[in-house]
Amino acid sequence: LETKYAEALSAQVSMLQLLVEPSVKGDSEARSRLYSLSHDMRGLAGTFGFPIAGRFADSLCRFVENCQEEDWREGSVIRFHVDAIRDAVDNPGTDPAITMETLNALERLIKTTRGSRKMAG
């Protein structure tokens, strides 16, 4: 099952990459699909040997669950999460310290993005 899941996960990540641009441009179907895929990854990736991808997918899901239109249009948080997921799938043996720093950087980016929106009014 792990081998089959690895193939499916790789295909899902490729689809995430394709969905980013339509999502940031306002395509609600692409946004829904992007969330569904990341939600599936959040739940299954760790079970099948990709815990880092699961953690990045969890962070993406939490961001999308609270996403405002401005967050979608700005797009960098979503792009960086999808890039991190891709990297985690392509390089499953990455040093855990690097992974934690990446997760922390994504959380700081989310706070900065939301903080800028609050300041703007």
Protein backbone atom coordinates (compact mmCIF):
# COMPACT_ATOMS: atom_id res chain seq x y z
CA LEU A 1 0.00 0.00 0.00
CA GLU A 2 2.84 2.39 0.78
CA THR A 3 4.17 2.15 -2.77
CA LYS A 4 0.75 2.72 -4.31
CA TYR A 5 0.15 5.65 -1.96
CA ALA A 6 3.51 7.18 -2.90
CA GLU A 7 2.43 7.14 -6.55
CA ALA A 8 -0.99 8.60 -5.69
CA LEU A 9 0.60 11.26 -3.47
CA SER A 10 2.95 12.31 -6.25
CA ALA A 11 -0.01 12.67 -8.62
CA GLN A 12 -1.92 14.68 -6.00
CA VAL A 13 1.01 17.03 -5.52
CA SER A 14 1.24 17.56 -9.26
CA MET A 15 -2.46 18.42 -9.28
CA LEU A 16 -1.96 20.85 -6.37
CA GLN A 17 0.70 22.60 -8.42
CA LEU A 18 -1.71 22.93 -11.34
CA LEU A 19 -4.48 24.27 -9.10
CA VAL A 20 -2.50 27.07 -7.47
CA GLU A 21 -2.76 29.66 -10.25
CA PRO A 22 -6.48 29.20 -10.98
CA SER A 23 -7.11 29.30 -7.22
CA VAL A 24 -5.33 32.60 -6.70
CA LYS A 25 -7.16 34.01 -9.71
CA GLY A 26 -10.56 33.31 -8.15
CA ASP A 27 -11.61 29.90 -9.53
CA SER A 28 -13.81 28.50 -6.75
CA GLU A 29 -13.73 24.96 -8.15
CA ALA A 30 -9.91 25.00 -8.17
CA ARG A 31 -9.92 26.32 -4.60
CA SER A 32 -12.25 23.56 -3.48
CA ARG A 33 -10.16 20.90 -5.18
CA LEU A 34 -6.92 22.33 -3.74
CA TYR A 35 -8.41 22.16 -0.25
CA SER A 36 -9.76 18.63 -0.77
CA LEU A 37 -6.40 17.33 -1.95
CA SER A 38 -4.48 18.96 0.88
CA HIS A 39 -7.08 17.66 3.36
CA ASP A 40 -6.59 14.11 2.06
CA MET A 41 -2.81 14.53 2.38
CA ARG A 42 -3.16 15.87 5.89
CA GLY A 43 -4.94 12.70 6.92
CA LEU A 44 -3.07 10.04 4.98
CA ALA A 45 0.49 11.14 4.23
CA GLY A 46 1.86 10.40 7.70
CA THR A 47 0.21 6.99 7.79
CA PHE A 48 2.00 5.97 4.60
CA GLY A 49 5.48 7.26 5.37
CA PHE A 50 5.28 10.95 4.44
CA PRO A 51 4.78 12.69 7.80
CA ILE A 52 6.45 15.92 6.68
CA ALA A 53 4.16 16.27 3.68
CA GLY A 54 1.25 15.67 6.04
CA ARG A 55 2.38 18.46 8.35
CA PHE A 56 2.74 20.92 5.49
CA ALA A 57 -0.68 19.86 4.16
CA ASP A 58 -2.14 20.40 7.63
CA SER A 59 -0.73 23.91 7.73
CA LEU A 60 -2.14 24.61 4.27
CA CYS A 61 -5.56 23.29 5.28
CA ARG A 62 -5.66 25.46 8.40
CA PHE A 63 -4.72 28.50 6.31
CA VAL A 64 -7.36 27.80 3.66
CA GLU A 65 -10.03 27.18 6.30
CA ASN A 66 -9.55 30.78 7.43
CA CYS A 67 -8.69 32.28 4.06
CA GLN A 68 -10.12 35.61 3.02
CA GLU A 69 -10.36 36.67 -0.60
CA GLU A 70 -7.28 38.87 -0.16
CA ASP A 71 -5.29 35.86 1.08
CA TRP A 72 -6.19 33.89 -2.03
CA ARG A 73 -5.34 36.77 -4.38
CA GLU A 74 -2.01 37.45 -2.69
CA GLY A 75 -1.19 33.78 -3.14
CA SER A 76 2.31 33.51 -1.69
CA VAL A 77 1.26 31.51 1.37
CA ILE A 78 -0.50 28.97 -0.82
CA ARG A 79 2.37 28.79 -3.32
CA PHE A 80 4.98 28.30 -0.58
CA HIS A 81 2.92 25.56 1.07
CA VAL A 82 2.51 23.66 -2.19
CA ASP A 83 6.24 24.01 -2.86
CA ALA A 84 7.00 22.68 0.64
CA ILE A 85 4.68 19.72 0.10
CA ARG A 86 6.36 18.94 -3.23
CA ASP A 87 9.79 19.14 -1.64
CA ALA A 88 8.73 16.88 1.26
CA VAL A 89 7.45 14.25 -1.18
CA ASP A 90 10.51 14.48 -3.42
CA ASN A 91 12.96 14.48 -0.46
CA PRO A 92 11.43 12.43 2.36
CA GLY A 93 14.75 12.19 4.22
CA THR A 94 15.14 15.93 4.80
CA ASP A 95 16.71 16.91 8.12
CA PRO A 96 13.90 17.41 10.69
CA ALA A 97 15.47 20.71 11.82
CA ILE A 98 15.09 22.09 8.30
CA THR A 99 11.51 20.89 8.20
CA MET A 100 10.69 22.59 11.50
CA GLU A 101 12.30 25.82 10.33
CA THR A 102 10.25 25.67 7.13
CA LEU A 103 7.04 25.10 9.11
CA ASN A 104 7.92 27.99 11.42
CA ALA A 105 8.66 30.22 8.43
CA LEU A 106 5.27 29.34 6.90
CA GLU A 107 3.54 30.18 10.18
CA ARG A 108 5.37 33.53 10.32
CA LEU A 109 4.33 34.21 6.72
CA ILE A 110 0.69 33.48 7.60
CA LYS A 111 0.84 35.83 10.60
CA THR A 112 2.53 38.54 8.55
CA THR A 113 -0.02 38.19 5.74
CA ARG A 114 -2.94 38.37 8.16
CA GLY A 115 -1.33 41.17 10.14
CA SER A 116 -0.87 43.25 7.00
CA ARG A 117 -4.52 42.75 6.13
CA LYS A 118 -5.64 43.89 9.59
CA MET A 119 -3.45 46.99 9.38
CA ALA A 120 -4.89 47.83 5.97
CA GLY A 121 -8.32 47.94 7.48
